[in-house]
Amino acid sequence: MDFISPVYALFLMQSVAAAEVQEAMLLDTGLTREDLESGANISMEAFQKLLLNADRLCDDHIGKIIGTRAGVLTLGTVGSAAAAAPSIREGFQIINAFTRLHASYAKGEVFSSHQGLRLSFEFSDKISVTERFHAESVLFMMQNYLQMVLGFKMHDGVYMVRHQPPAYADLYQQWFASPVLFGEESIAVVVPKQYLDRHSPFYNREVWEQALQLLSQQIEELGEQNQSSYSYHVKSLLRSCDTPLPGLAFVAGRLHVSERTLNRRLQQEGHTFRELKVAVVLERAREYLRETSLSVEAIAGALGYQDVANFRRSFRSVEGCSPGEYRRVCAGQR
């Protein structure tokens, strides 16, 4: 069974003054006001029913009610870690890592490209009826987080949602400083490169280090049950970094393990660090070839290859064609 923090339900309850309306929100949920105020997580099924009740009873939009009050700290340990992160990039990395460990109803992905960094979420089909409310809340939360770190609202990013434009879609222009794209494959925020590595005024070294240690412990615990725990987190971290990608020492340090231990864990999962890194490098290569006009030589340099011939050889071994041929095929499919 999936669970969620009661804080979002309390936001909705507090948005109305009439006690009878608050009670009506709890109808058929099996929850009481005392359950919500206890601080214990509630079932996603009960929260779904509460959302639908609130949508029927509240004058304002549910996603907005939750989202305008939701900062990253409502995410608990995850939010504290993100708030204490040195930069937005590292904040997104930790949000994604903990989401994978704790939110069974949501899967996150963070990916760096030539345009910026994209943090995306896909929710379980179990919450498809209320996904629009969840999506709006996520966008508000991300906007609040970015404004907290940057000191201003980001106008040159992009927000994405899976749902089609609702009847009140025009309000999105008032709610969100950056444009919102509808009907996308996932719920996401794209942050331009120039903001990603700015020092956060909220950086707290002690809290950040504690968060990384906790993440390391939980990855190790999960690794005893899941044969791809370390492989996933290594690849995800590499995907969120700019090229040229960092080496083993950096990744091991971020995961709070020794290089030897990380190598051993990856081998137990049937992978090597080099294999995972090459896979991410070639992902980035395909993106550059599809979406930019950079020369093959410039792309090889950006990816960290000192010899373009090595890049061509590596690319052909995986794709079965040269970088130039791959680009021509992609161009012909547009």
C-alpha atoms as a PDB file:
ATOM      1  CA  MET A   1       0.000   0.000   0.000  1.00  0.00           C
ATOM      2  CA  ASP A   2       1.197   3.518  -0.828  1.00  0.00           C
ATOM      3  CA  PHE A   3       1.389   6.227   1.830  1.00  0.00           C
ATOM      4  CA  ILE A   4       1.789  10.014   1.862  1.00  0.00           C
ATOM      5  CA  SER A   5       2.372  12.717   4.455  1.00  0.00           C
ATOM      6  CA  PRO A   6      -0.811  14.178   6.015  1.00  0.00           C
ATOM      7  CA  VAL A   7       0.495  17.733   5.560  1.00  0.00           C
ATOM      8  CA  TYR A   8      -1.204  18.159   2.177  1.00  0.00           C
ATOM      9  CA  ALA A   9      -4.563  17.050   3.566  1.00  0.00           C
ATOM     10  CA  LEU A  10      -4.158  19.530   6.406  1.00  0.00           C
ATOM     11  CA  PHE A  11      -3.491  22.327   3.913  1.00  0.00           C
ATOM     12  CA  LEU A  12      -6.864  21.573   2.341  1.00  0.00           C
ATOM     13  CA  MET A  13      -8.647  21.330   5.682  1.00  0.00           C
ATOM     14  CA  GLN A  14      -7.225  24.683   6.788  1.00  0.00           C
ATOM     15  CA  SER A  15      -8.297  26.356   3.539  1.00  0.00           C
ATOM     16  CA  VAL A  16     -11.939  26.359   4.663  1.00  0.00           C
ATOM     17  CA  ALA A  17     -13.288  27.865   7.870  1.00  0.00           C
ATOM     18  CA  ALA A  18     -16.559  25.980   8.248  1.00  0.00           C
ATOM     19  CA  ALA A  19     -16.237  22.901  10.459  1.00  0.00           C
ATOM     20  CA  GLU A  20     -18.966  21.083   8.544  1.00  0.00           C
ATOM     21  CA  VAL A  21     -17.054  21.502   5.281  1.00  0.00           C
ATOM     22  CA  GLN A  22     -13.896  20.164   6.906  1.00  0.00           C
ATOM     23  CA  GLU A  23     -15.837  17.142   8.107  1.00  0.00           C
ATOM     24  CA  ALA A  24     -17.291  16.641   4.627  1.00  0.00           C
ATOM     25  CA  MET A  25     -13.763  16.463   3.201  1.00  0.00           C
ATOM     26  CA  LEU A  26     -13.165  13.384   5.362  1.00  0.00           C
ATOM     27  CA  LEU A  27     -16.280  11.592   4.132  1.00  0.00           C
ATOM     28  CA  ASP A  28     -15.581   7.956   3.140  1.00  0.00           C
ATOM     29  CA  THR A  29     -11.836   8.371   3.740  1.00  0.00           C
ATOM     30  CA  GLY A  30     -11.741   6.499   7.043  1.00  0.00           C
ATOM     31  CA  LEU A  31      -9.706   9.395   8.438  1.00  0.00           C
ATOM     32  CA  THR A  32     -10.325  11.724  11.347  1.00  0.00           C
ATOM     33  CA  ARG A  33      -8.887  15.150  12.101  1.00  0.00           C
ATOM     34  CA  GLU A  34      -6.884  13.479  14.865  1.00  0.00           C
ATOM     35  CA  ASP A  35      -5.369  11.043  12.339  1.00  0.00           C
ATOM     36  CA  LEU A  36      -4.101  13.940  10.231  1.00  0.00           C
ATOM     37  CA  GLU A  37      -2.763  15.897  13.189  1.00  0.00           C
ATOM     38  CA  SER A  38      -0.900  12.865  14.570  1.00  0.00           C
ATOM     39  CA  GLY A  39       1.778  13.375  11.919  1.00  0.00           C
ATOM     40  CA  ALA A  40       1.666   9.734  10.809  1.00  0.00           C
ATOM     41  CA  ASN A  41       1.489   9.005   7.089  1.00  0.00           C
ATOM     42  CA  ILE A  42      -1.930   8.276   5.610  1.00  0.00           C
ATOM     43  CA  SER A  43      -2.825   5.853   2.843  1.00  0.00           C
ATOM     44  CA  MET A  44      -2.775   7.186  -0.699  1.00  0.00           C
ATOM     45  CA  GLU A  45      -6.214   5.657  -1.230  1.00  0.00           C
ATOM     46  CA  ALA A  46      -7.678   7.748   1.617  1.00  0.00           C
ATOM     47  CA  PHE A  47      -5.872  10.857   0.374  1.00  0.00           C
ATOM     48  CA  GLN A  48      -7.290  10.322  -3.113  1.00  0.00           C
ATOM     49  CA  LYS A  49     -10.817  10.322  -1.707  1.00  0.00           C
ATOM     50  CA  LEU A  50     -10.069  13.435   0.328  1.00  0.00           C
ATOM     51  CA  LEU A  51      -8.783  15.221  -2.790  1.00  0.00           C
ATOM     52  CA  LEU A  52     -11.948  14.447  -4.722  1.00  0.00           C
ATOM     53  CA  ASN A  53     -14.088  15.605  -1.804  1.00  0.00           C
ATOM     54  CA  ALA A  54     -12.087  18.815  -1.518  1.00  0.00           C
ATOM     55  CA  ASP A  55     -12.365  19.466  -5.248  1.00  0.00           C
ATOM     56  CA  ARG A  56     -16.137  19.305  -4.908  1.00  0.00           C
ATOM     57  CA  LEU A  57     -16.293  21.449  -1.742  1.00  0.00           C
ATOM     58  CA  CYS A  58     -13.595  24.126  -2.159  1.00  0.00           C
ATOM     59  CA  ASP A  59     -14.049  27.351  -4.101  1.00  0.00           C
ATOM     60  CA  ASP A  60     -10.378  27.538  -5.085  1.00  0.00           C
ATOM     61  CA  HIS A  61      -8.327  25.073  -7.149  1.00  0.00           C
ATOM     62  CA  ILE A  62      -6.944  22.130  -5.168  1.00  0.00           C
ATOM     63  CA  GLY A  63      -3.509  22.108  -6.781  1.00  0.00           C
ATOM     64  CA  LYS A  64      -3.104  25.797  -6.047  1.00  0.00           C
ATOM     65  CA  ILE A  65      -4.245  25.473  -2.418  1.00  0.00           C
ATOM     66  CA  ILE A  66      -1.653  22.773  -1.744  1.00  0.00           C
ATOM     67  CA  GLY A  67       1.064  24.132  -4.002  1.00  0.00           C
ATOM     68  CA  THR A  68       1.160  27.712  -2.761  1.00  0.00           C
ATOM     69  CA  ARG A  69       1.816  26.452   0.771  1.00  0.00           C
ATOM     70  CA  ALA A  70       4.081  23.546  -0.118  1.00  0.00           C
ATOM     71  CA  GLY A  71       7.784  24.191   0.164  1.00  0.00           C
ATOM     72  CA  VAL A  72      10.453  21.515  -0.048  1.00  0.00           C
ATOM     73  CA  LEU A  73      10.384  21.217   3.743  1.00  0.00           C
ATOM     74  CA  THR A  74       6.978  19.536   3.451  1.00  0.00           C
ATOM     75  CA  LEU A  75       8.926  16.617   1.953  1.00  0.00           C
ATOM     76  CA  GLY A  76      10.467  15.911   5.354  1.00  0.00           C
ATOM     77  CA  THR A  77      13.993  14.479   5.236  1.00  0.00           C
ATOM     78  CA  VAL A  78      14.105  14.863   1.454  1.00  0.00           C
ATOM     79  CA  GLY A  79      13.138  18.520   1.659  1.00  0.00           C
ATOM     80  CA  SER A  80      15.602  19.284   4.434  1.00  0.00           C
ATOM     81  CA  ALA A  81      18.373  17.760   2.345  1.00  0.00           C
ATOM     82  CA  ALA A  82      17.372  19.737  -0.765  1.00  0.00           C
ATOM     83  CA  ALA A  83      17.111  22.984   1.200  1.00  0.00           C
ATOM     84  CA  ALA A  84      20.606  22.442   2.632  1.00  0.00           C
ATOM     85  CA  ALA A  85      22.158  21.477  -0.730  1.00  0.00           C
ATOM     86  CA  PRO A  86      25.061  23.540  -2.101  1.00  0.00           C
ATOM     87  CA  SER A  87      23.237  24.231  -5.386  1.00  0.00           C
ATOM     88  CA  ILE A  88      20.051  23.573  -7.348  1.00  0.00           C
ATOM     89  CA  ARG A  89      21.740  20.750  -9.260  1.00  0.00           C
ATOM     90  CA  GLU A  90      22.633  18.950  -6.044  1.00  0.00           C
ATOM     91  CA  GLY A  91      19.209  19.709  -4.601  1.00  0.00           C
ATOM     92  CA  PHE A  92      17.559  18.051  -7.604  1.00  0.00           C
ATOM     93  CA  GLN A  93      19.954  15.110  -7.338  1.00  0.00           C
ATOM     94  CA  ILE A  94      19.015  14.444  -3.719  1.00  0.00           C
ATOM     95  CA  ILE A  95      15.270  14.887  -4.370  1.00  0.00           C
ATOM     96  CA  ASN A  96      15.478  12.319  -7.146  1.00  0.00           C
ATOM     97  CA  ALA A  97      17.561   9.868  -5.101  1.00  0.00           C
ATOM     98  CA  PHE A  98      15.290   9.908  -2.054  1.00  0.00           C
ATOM     99  CA  THR A  99      12.136   9.823  -4.192  1.00  0.00           C
ATOM    100  CA  ARG A 100      13.308   6.560  -5.707  1.00  0.00           C
ATOM    101  CA  LEU A 101      13.859   5.133  -2.225  1.00  0.00           C
ATOM    102  CA  HIS A 102      10.670   6.299  -0.503  1.00  0.00           C
ATOM    103  CA  ALA A 103       7.837   7.197  -2.901  1.00  0.00           C
ATOM    104  CA  SER A 104       6.440   3.954  -4.293  1.00  0.00           C
ATOM    105  CA  TYR A 105       3.723   5.901  -6.156  1.00  0.00           C
ATOM    106  CA  ALA A 106       6.194   8.158  -7.990  1.00  0.00           C
ATOM    107  CA  LYS A 107       9.367   7.669 -10.012  1.00  0.00           C
ATOM    108  CA  GLY A 108      11.802  10.498 -10.562  1.00  0.00           C
ATOM    109  CA  GLU A 109      14.508  11.118 -13.138  1.00  0.00           C
ATOM    110  CA  VAL A 110      17.057  13.892 -13.399  1.00  0.00           C
ATOM    111  CA  PHE A 111      18.886  14.497 -16.664  1.00  0.00           C
ATOM    112  CA  SER A 112      21.415  17.119 -17.719  1.00  0.00           C
ATOM    113  CA  SER A 113      21.476  18.298 -21.330  1.00  0.00           C
ATOM    114  CA  HIS A 114      22.954  21.097 -23.411  1.00  0.00           C
ATOM    115  CA  GLN A 115      19.882  23.167 -22.472  1.00  0.00           C
ATOM    116  CA  GLY A 116      19.881  22.643 -18.723  1.00  0.00           C
ATOM    117  CA  LEU A 117      18.731  20.188 -16.085  1.00  0.00           C
ATOM    118  CA  ARG A 118      15.411  18.365 -16.194  1.00  0.00           C
ATOM    119  CA  LEU A 119      13.805  16.867 -13.085  1.00  0.00           C
ATOM    120  CA  SER A 120      10.810  14.748 -14.005  1.00  0.00           C
ATOM    121  CA  PHE A 121       8.246  12.634 -12.179  1.00  0.00           C
ATOM    122  CA  GLU A 122       5.893   9.904 -13.276  1.00  0.00           C
ATOM    123  CA  PHE A 123       3.064   8.952 -10.950  1.00  0.00           C
ATOM    124  CA  SER A 124       1.512   5.520 -10.586  1.00  0.00           C
ATOM    125  CA  ASP A 125      -1.639   4.790 -12.556  1.00  0.00           C
ATOM    126  CA  LYS A 126      -3.303   4.345  -9.157  1.00  0.00           C
ATOM    127  CA  ILE A 127      -3.562   8.126  -8.839  1.00  0.00           C
ATOM    128  CA  SER A 128      -4.469   8.901 -12.451  1.00  0.00           C
ATOM    129  CA  VAL A 129      -7.861  10.344 -11.445  1.00  0.00           C
ATOM    130  CA  THR A 130      -6.203  13.044  -9.343  1.00  0.00           C
ATOM    131  CA  GLU A 131      -2.888  13.380 -11.191  1.00  0.00           C
ATOM    132  CA  ARG A 132      -3.701  16.943 -12.270  1.00  0.00           C
ATOM    133  CA  PHE A 133      -3.843  18.056  -8.634  1.00  0.00           C
ATOM    134  CA  HIS A 134      -0.559  16.297  -7.884  1.00  0.00           C
ATOM    135  CA  ALA A 135       1.082  17.804 -10.964  1.00  0.00           C
ATOM    136  CA  GLU A 136       0.035  21.355 -10.095  1.00  0.00           C
ATOM    137  CA  SER A 137       1.267  20.885  -6.530  1.00  0.00           C
ATOM    138  CA  VAL A 138       4.636  19.604  -7.774  1.00  0.00           C
ATOM    139  CA  LEU A 139       5.085  22.583 -10.125  1.00  0.00           C
ATOM    140  CA  PHE A 140       4.261  25.033  -7.348  1.00  0.00           C
ATOM    141  CA  MET A 141       6.666  23.279  -4.995  1.00  0.00           C
ATOM    142  CA  MET A 142       9.485  23.347  -7.544  1.00  0.00           C
ATOM    143  CA  GLN A 143       8.813  27.005  -8.318  1.00  0.00           C
ATOM    144  CA  ASN A 144       8.901  27.812  -4.596  1.00  0.00           C
ATOM    145  CA  TYR A 145      12.167  25.919  -4.187  1.00  0.00           C
ATOM    146  CA  LEU A 146      13.833  27.625  -7.134  1.00  0.00           C
ATOM    147  CA  GLN A 147      12.705  31.051  -5.938  1.00  0.00           C
ATOM    148  CA  MET A 148      14.043  30.313  -2.458  1.00  0.00           C
ATOM    149  CA  VAL A 149      17.512  29.452  -3.790  1.00  0.00           C
ATOM    150  CA  LEU A 150      17.734  32.011  -6.607  1.00  0.00           C
ATOM    151  CA  GLY A 151      15.997  34.906  -4.854  1.00  0.00           C
ATOM    152  CA  PHE A 152      13.636  35.467  -7.791  1.00  0.00           C
ATOM    153  CA  LYS A 153      11.078  33.609  -9.895  1.00  0.00           C
ATOM    154  CA  MET A 154      12.575  31.754 -12.837  1.00  0.00           C
ATOM    155  CA  HIS A 155      11.035  33.090 -16.081  1.00  0.00           C
ATOM    156  CA  ASP A 156      13.229  31.301 -18.625  1.00  0.00           C
ATOM    157  CA  GLY A 157      12.681  27.692 -17.598  1.00  0.00           C
ATOM    158  CA  VAL A 158       9.964  25.270 -18.661  1.00  0.00           C
ATOM    159  CA  TYR A 159       7.324  23.330 -16.738  1.00  0.00           C
ATOM    160  CA  MET A 160       5.674  20.223 -18.177  1.00  0.00           C
ATOM    161  CA  VAL A 161       2.574  18.220 -17.278  1.00  0.00           C
ATOM    162  CA  ARG A 162       0.974  15.096 -18.722  1.00  0.00           C
ATOM    163  CA  HIS A 163      -2.628  16.277 -18.587  1.00  0.00           C
ATOM    164  CA  GLN A 164      -4.350  18.270 -21.296  1.00  0.00           C
ATOM    165  CA  PRO A 165      -5.209  21.959 -20.669  1.00  0.00           C
ATOM    166  CA  PRO A 166      -8.014  22.176 -18.068  1.00  0.00           C
ATOM    167  CA  ALA A 167     -10.865  24.672 -18.381  1.00  0.00           C
ATOM    168  CA  TYR A 168      -8.893  27.099 -16.217  1.00  0.00           C
ATOM    169  CA  ALA A 169      -5.613  26.706 -18.150  1.00  0.00           C
ATOM    170  CA  ASP A 170      -5.297  30.495 -18.553  1.00  0.00           C
ATOM    171  CA  LEU A 171      -4.627  30.717 -14.801  1.00  0.00           C
ATOM    172  CA  TYR A 172      -1.368  28.813 -15.270  1.00  0.00           C
ATOM    173  CA  GLN A 173       0.131  31.993 -16.728  1.00  0.00           C
ATOM    174  CA  GLN A 174      -0.640  33.738 -13.442  1.00  0.00           C
ATOM    175  CA  TRP A 175       0.522  30.876 -11.252  1.00  0.00           C
ATOM    176  CA  PHE A 176       3.800  29.989 -12.929  1.00  0.00           C
ATOM    177  CA  ALA A 177       6.534  32.393 -14.036  1.00  0.00           C
ATOM    178  CA  SER A 178       7.816  30.012 -16.735  1.00  0.00           C
ATOM    179  CA  PRO A 179       5.663  28.554 -19.521  1.00  0.00           C
ATOM    180  CA  VAL A 180       3.778  25.283 -18.950  1.00  0.00           C
ATOM    181  CA  LEU A 181       3.632  22.638 -21.690  1.00  0.00           C
ATOM    182  CA  PHE A 182       0.625  20.277 -21.660  1.00  0.00           C
ATOM    183  CA  GLY A 183       0.342  16.689 -22.866  1.00  0.00           C
ATOM    184  CA  GLU A 184       3.989  15.826 -22.175  1.00  0.00           C
ATOM    185  CA  GLU A 185       5.339  12.387 -21.291  1.00  0.00           C
ATOM    186  CA  SER A 186       6.020  13.298 -17.665  1.00  0.00           C
ATOM    187  CA  ILE A 187       5.644  16.023 -15.063  1.00  0.00           C
ATOM    188  CA  ALA A 188       8.869  17.984 -15.179  1.00  0.00           C
ATOM    189  CA  VAL A 189      10.764  21.210 -14.620  1.00  0.00           C
ATOM    190  CA  VAL A 190      13.659  22.267 -16.860  1.00  0.00           C
ATOM    191  CA  VAL A 191      16.140  24.705 -15.327  1.00  0.00           C
ATOM    192  CA  PRO A 192      18.573  26.610 -17.611  1.00  0.00           C
ATOM    193  CA  LYS A 193      22.275  25.929 -17.160  1.00  0.00           C
ATOM    194  CA  GLN A 194      23.127  29.352 -15.771  1.00  0.00           C
ATOM    195  CA  TYR A 195      21.207  28.675 -12.537  1.00  0.00           C
ATOM    196  CA  LEU A 196      22.229  25.124 -11.778  1.00  0.00           C
ATOM    197  CA  ASP A 197      25.528  25.536  -9.974  1.00  0.00           C
ATOM    198  CA  ARG A 198      25.044  28.896  -8.291  1.00  0.00           C
ATOM    199  CA  HIS A 199      25.895  28.730  -4.623  1.00  0.00           C
ATOM    200  CA  SER A 200      22.773  28.411  -2.489  1.00  0.00           C
ATOM    201  CA  PRO A 201      22.590  30.881   0.427  1.00  0.00           C
ATOM    202  CA  PHE A 202      20.850  28.102   2.384  1.00  0.00           C
ATOM    203  CA  TYR A 203      23.742  25.644   2.037  1.00  0.00           C
ATOM    204  CA  ASN A 204      24.373  23.934   5.375  1.00  0.00           C
ATOM    205  CA  ARG A 205      27.392  21.671   5.256  1.00  0.00           C
ATOM    206  CA  GLU A 206      26.500  19.668   8.352  1.00  0.00           C
ATOM    207  CA  VAL A 207      22.920  18.956   7.278  1.00  0.00           C
ATOM    208  CA  TRP A 208      24.043  18.185   3.722  1.00  0.00           C
ATOM    209  CA  GLU A 209      26.659  15.684   4.876  1.00  0.00           C
ATOM    210  CA  GLN A 210      24.142  14.014   7.182  1.00  0.00           C
ATOM    211  CA  ALA A 211      21.729  13.701   4.260  1.00  0.00           C
ATOM    212  CA  LEU A 212      24.386  12.061   2.077  1.00  0.00           C
ATOM    213  CA  GLN A 213      25.266   9.628   4.851  1.00  0.00           C
ATOM    214  CA  LEU A 214      21.591   8.729   5.310  1.00  0.00           C
ATOM    215  CA  LEU A 215      21.208   8.243   1.566  1.00  0.00           C
ATOM    216  CA  SER A 216      24.257   5.960   1.545  1.00  0.00           C
ATOM    217  CA  GLN A 217      22.855   3.850   4.381  1.00  0.00           C
ATOM    218  CA  GLN A 218      19.499   3.484   2.674  1.00  0.00           C
ATOM    219  CA  ILE A 219      21.043   2.570  -0.681  1.00  0.00           C
ATOM    220  CA  GLU A 220      23.077  -0.116   1.095  1.00  0.00           C
ATOM    221  CA  GLU A 221      19.981  -1.465   2.859  1.00  0.00           C
ATOM    222  CA  LEU A 222      18.037  -1.500  -0.397  1.00  0.00           C
ATOM    223  CA  GLY A 223      20.972  -3.151  -2.133  1.00  0.00           C
ATOM    224  CA  GLU A 224      20.452  -6.231   0.032  1.00  0.00           C
ATOM    225  CA  GLN A 225      17.015  -6.643  -1.566  1.00  0.00           C
ATOM    226  CA  ASN A 226      17.431  -4.984  -4.978  1.00  0.00           C
ATOM    227  CA  GLN A 227      20.071  -6.173  -7.445  1.00  0.00           C
ATOM    228  CA  SER A 228      20.353  -2.793  -9.183  1.00  0.00           C
ATOM    229  CA  SER A 229      20.361  -0.303  -6.300  1.00  0.00           C
ATOM    230  CA  TYR A 230      23.914   1.016  -6.678  1.00  0.00           C
ATOM    231  CA  SER A 231      23.840   0.794 -10.467  1.00  0.00           C
ATOM    232  CA  TYR A 232      20.716   2.932 -10.604  1.00  0.00           C
ATOM    233  CA  HIS A 233      22.041   5.620  -8.273  1.00  0.00           C
ATOM    234  CA  VAL A 234      25.435   5.794 -10.005  1.00  0.00           C
ATOM    235  CA  LYS A 235      23.848   6.132 -13.436  1.00  0.00           C
ATOM    236  CA  SER A 236      21.304   8.659 -12.177  1.00  0.00           C
ATOM    237  CA  LEU A 237      24.033  10.794 -10.615  1.00  0.00           C
ATOM    238  CA  LEU A 238      26.080  10.709 -13.817  1.00  0.00           C
ATOM    239  CA  ARG A 239      23.024  11.658 -15.884  1.00  0.00           C
ATOM    240  CA  SER A 240      22.556  14.786 -13.776  1.00  0.00           C
ATOM    241  CA  CYS A 241      26.138  16.029 -14.265  1.00  0.00           C
ATOM    242  CA  ASP A 242      27.513  18.190 -17.041  1.00  0.00           C
ATOM    243  CA  THR A 243      30.105  16.801 -19.435  1.00  0.00           C
ATOM    244  CA  PRO A 244      32.821  15.805 -19.155  1.00  0.00           C
ATOM    245  CA  LEU A 245      31.349  13.425 -16.599  1.00  0.00           C
ATOM    246  CA  PRO A 246      33.013  12.992 -13.198  1.00  0.00           C
ATOM    247  CA  GLY A 247      35.094   9.944 -12.335  1.00  0.00           C
ATOM    248  CA  LEU A 248      34.821   7.129  -9.836  1.00  0.00           C
ATOM    249  CA  ALA A 249      36.295   9.134  -6.946  1.00  0.00           C
ATOM    250  CA  PHE A 250      33.616  11.845  -7.178  1.00  0.00           C
ATOM    251  CA  VAL A 251      30.717   9.394  -7.416  1.00  0.00           C
ATOM    252  CA  ALA A 252      32.018   7.231  -4.573  1.00  0.00           C
ATOM    253  CA  GLY A 253      32.440  10.343  -2.425  1.00  0.00           C
ATOM    254  CA  ARG A 254      28.877  11.466  -3.123  1.00  0.00           C
ATOM    255  CA  LEU A 255      27.565   8.033  -2.130  1.00  0.00           C
ATOM    256  CA  HIS A 256      29.773   8.014   0.988  1.00  0.00           C
ATOM    257  CA  VAL A 257      31.569   4.790   0.116  1.00  0.00           C
ATOM    258  CA  SER A 258      35.151   4.035  -0.852  1.00  0.00           C
ATOM    259  CA  GLU A 259      36.042   3.548  -4.503  1.00  0.00           C
ATOM    260  CA  ARG A 260      36.845  -0.082  -3.765  1.00  0.00           C
ATOM    261  CA  THR A 261      33.481  -0.651  -2.091  1.00  0.00           C
ATOM    262  CA  LEU A 262      31.581   0.996  -4.926  1.00  0.00           C
ATOM    263  CA  ASN A 263      33.393  -1.110  -7.507  1.00  0.00           C
ATOM    264  CA  ARG A 264      32.596  -4.241  -5.527  1.00  0.00           C
ATOM    265  CA  ARG A 265      28.910  -3.332  -5.161  1.00  0.00           C
ATOM    266  CA  LEU A 266      28.596  -2.637  -8.882  1.00  0.00           C
ATOM    267  CA  GLN A 267      30.293  -5.915  -9.753  1.00  0.00           C
ATOM    268  CA  GLN A 268      27.820  -7.734  -7.494  1.00  0.00           C
ATOM    269  CA  GLU A 269      25.048  -6.137  -9.552  1.00  0.00           C
ATOM    270  CA  GLY A 270      26.675  -7.222 -12.819  1.00  0.00           C
ATOM    271  CA  HIS A 271      28.059  -3.819 -13.847  1.00  0.00           C
ATOM    272  CA  THR A 272      31.232  -1.742 -13.823  1.00  0.00           C
ATOM    273  CA  PHE A 273      31.611   1.971 -13.296  1.00  0.00           C
ATOM    274  CA  ARG A 274      33.215   2.374 -16.717  1.00  0.00           C
ATOM    275  CA  GLU A 275      30.295   0.602 -18.413  1.00  0.00           C
ATOM    276  CA  LEU A 276      27.727   2.874 -16.718  1.00  0.00           C
ATOM    277  CA  LYS A 277      29.728   6.000 -17.491  1.00  0.00           C
ATOM    278  CA  VAL A 278      30.161   5.097 -21.165  1.00  0.00           C
ATOM    279  CA  ALA A 279      26.415   4.444 -21.444  1.00  0.00           C
ATOM    280  CA  VAL A 280      25.629   7.936 -20.097  1.00  0.00           C
ATOM    281  CA  VAL A 281      28.299   9.546 -22.307  1.00  0.00           C
ATOM    282  CA  LEU A 282      26.726   7.951 -25.378  1.00  0.00           C
ATOM    283  CA  GLU A 283      23.245   9.073 -24.270  1.00  0.00           C
ATOM    284  CA  ARG A 284      24.606  12.606 -24.206  1.00  0.00           C
ATOM    285  CA  ALA A 285      26.307  12.088 -27.556  1.00  0.00           C
ATOM    286  CA  ARG A 286      23.013  11.087 -29.167  1.00  0.00           C
ATOM    287  CA  GLU A 287      21.343  14.155 -27.693  1.00  0.00           C
ATOM    288  CA  TYR A 288      24.062  16.488 -29.050  1.00  0.00           C
ATOM    289  CA  LEU A 289      23.825  14.890 -32.486  1.00  0.00           C
ATOM    290  CA  ARG A 290      20.022  15.112 -32.589  1.00  0.00           C
ATOM    291  CA  GLU A 291      19.510  18.535 -31.095  1.00  0.00           C
ATOM    292  CA  THR A 292      22.573  20.676 -31.860  1.00  0.00           C
ATOM    293  CA  SER A 293      24.608  21.638 -34.905  1.00  0.00           C
ATOM    294  CA  LEU A 294      27.946  21.114 -33.130  1.00  0.00           C
ATOM    295  CA  SER A 295      30.567  19.320 -35.187  1.00  0.00           C
ATOM    296  CA  VAL A 296      31.469  15.743 -34.296  1.00  0.00           C
ATOM    297  CA  GLU A 297      34.876  17.009 -33.163  1.00  0.00           C
ATOM    298  CA  ALA A 298      33.291  19.594 -30.855  1.00  0.00           C
ATOM    299  CA  ILE A 299      30.921  16.974 -29.423  1.00  0.00           C
ATOM    300  CA  ALA A 300      33.800  14.588 -28.768  1.00  0.00           C
ATOM    301  CA  GLY A 301      35.650  17.355 -26.912  1.00  0.00           C
ATOM    302  CA  ALA A 302      32.570  18.288 -24.865  1.00  0.00           C
ATOM    303  CA  LEU A 303      32.154  14.657 -23.841  1.00  0.00           C
ATOM    304  CA  GLY A 304      35.746  14.453 -22.606  1.00  0.00           C
ATOM    305  CA  TYR A 305      37.345  12.539 -25.487  1.00  0.00           C
ATOM    306  CA  GLN A 306      40.866  13.701 -26.255  1.00  0.00           C
ATOM    307  CA  ASP A 307      40.848  11.855 -29.574  1.00  0.00           C
ATOM    308  CA  VAL A 308      37.817  12.138 -31.871  1.00  0.00           C
ATOM    309  CA  ALA A 309      38.713   8.755 -33.373  1.00  0.00           C
ATOM    310  CA  ASN A 310      38.097   7.114 -29.998  1.00  0.00           C
ATOM    311  CA  PHE A 311      34.701   8.777 -29.842  1.00  0.00           C
ATOM    312  CA  ARG A 312      33.780   7.593 -33.340  1.00  0.00           C
ATOM    313  CA  ARG A 313      34.907   4.059 -32.484  1.00  0.00           C
ATOM    314  CA  SER A 314      32.984   3.970 -29.195  1.00  0.00           C
ATOM    315  CA  PHE A 315      29.836   5.367 -30.803  1.00  0.00           C
ATOM    316  CA  ARG A 316      29.917   2.890 -33.688  1.00  0.00           C
ATOM    317  CA  SER A 317      30.419  -0.070 -31.333  1.00  0.00           C
ATOM    318  CA  VAL A 318      27.121   0.723 -29.630  1.00  0.00           C
ATOM    319  CA  GLU A 319      24.998   2.287 -32.392  1.00  0.00           C
ATOM    320  CA  GLY A 320      26.309   0.333 -35.357  1.00  0.00           C
ATOM    321  CA  CYS A 321      26.903   3.528 -37.343  1.00  0.00           C
ATOM    322  CA  SER A 322      29.109   6.610 -37.239  1.00  0.00           C
ATOM    323  CA  PRO A 323      28.050   9.804 -35.427  1.00  0.00           C
ATOM    324  CA  GLY A 324      27.564  11.528 -38.776  1.00  0.00           C
ATOM    325  CA  GLU A 325      25.334   8.748 -40.077  1.00  0.00           C
ATOM    326  CA  TYR A 326      23.288   8.806 -36.878  1.00  0.00           C
ATOM    327  CA  ARG A 327      22.746  12.560 -37.251  1.00  0.00           C
ATOM    328  CA  ARG A 328      21.620  12.201 -40.864  1.00  0.00           C
ATOM    329  CA  VAL A 329      19.125   9.469 -39.982  1.00  0.00           C
ATOM    330  CA  CYS A 330      17.680  11.578 -37.154  1.00  0.00           C
ATOM    331  CA  ALA A 331      17.408  14.602 -39.444  1.00  0.00           C
ATOM    332  CA  GLY A 332      15.546  12.516 -42.013  1.00  0.00           C
ATOM    333  CA  GLN A 333      12.973  11.413 -39.424  1.00  0.00           C
ATOM    334  CA  ARG A 334      11.918  14.962 -38.513  1.00  0.00           C
END
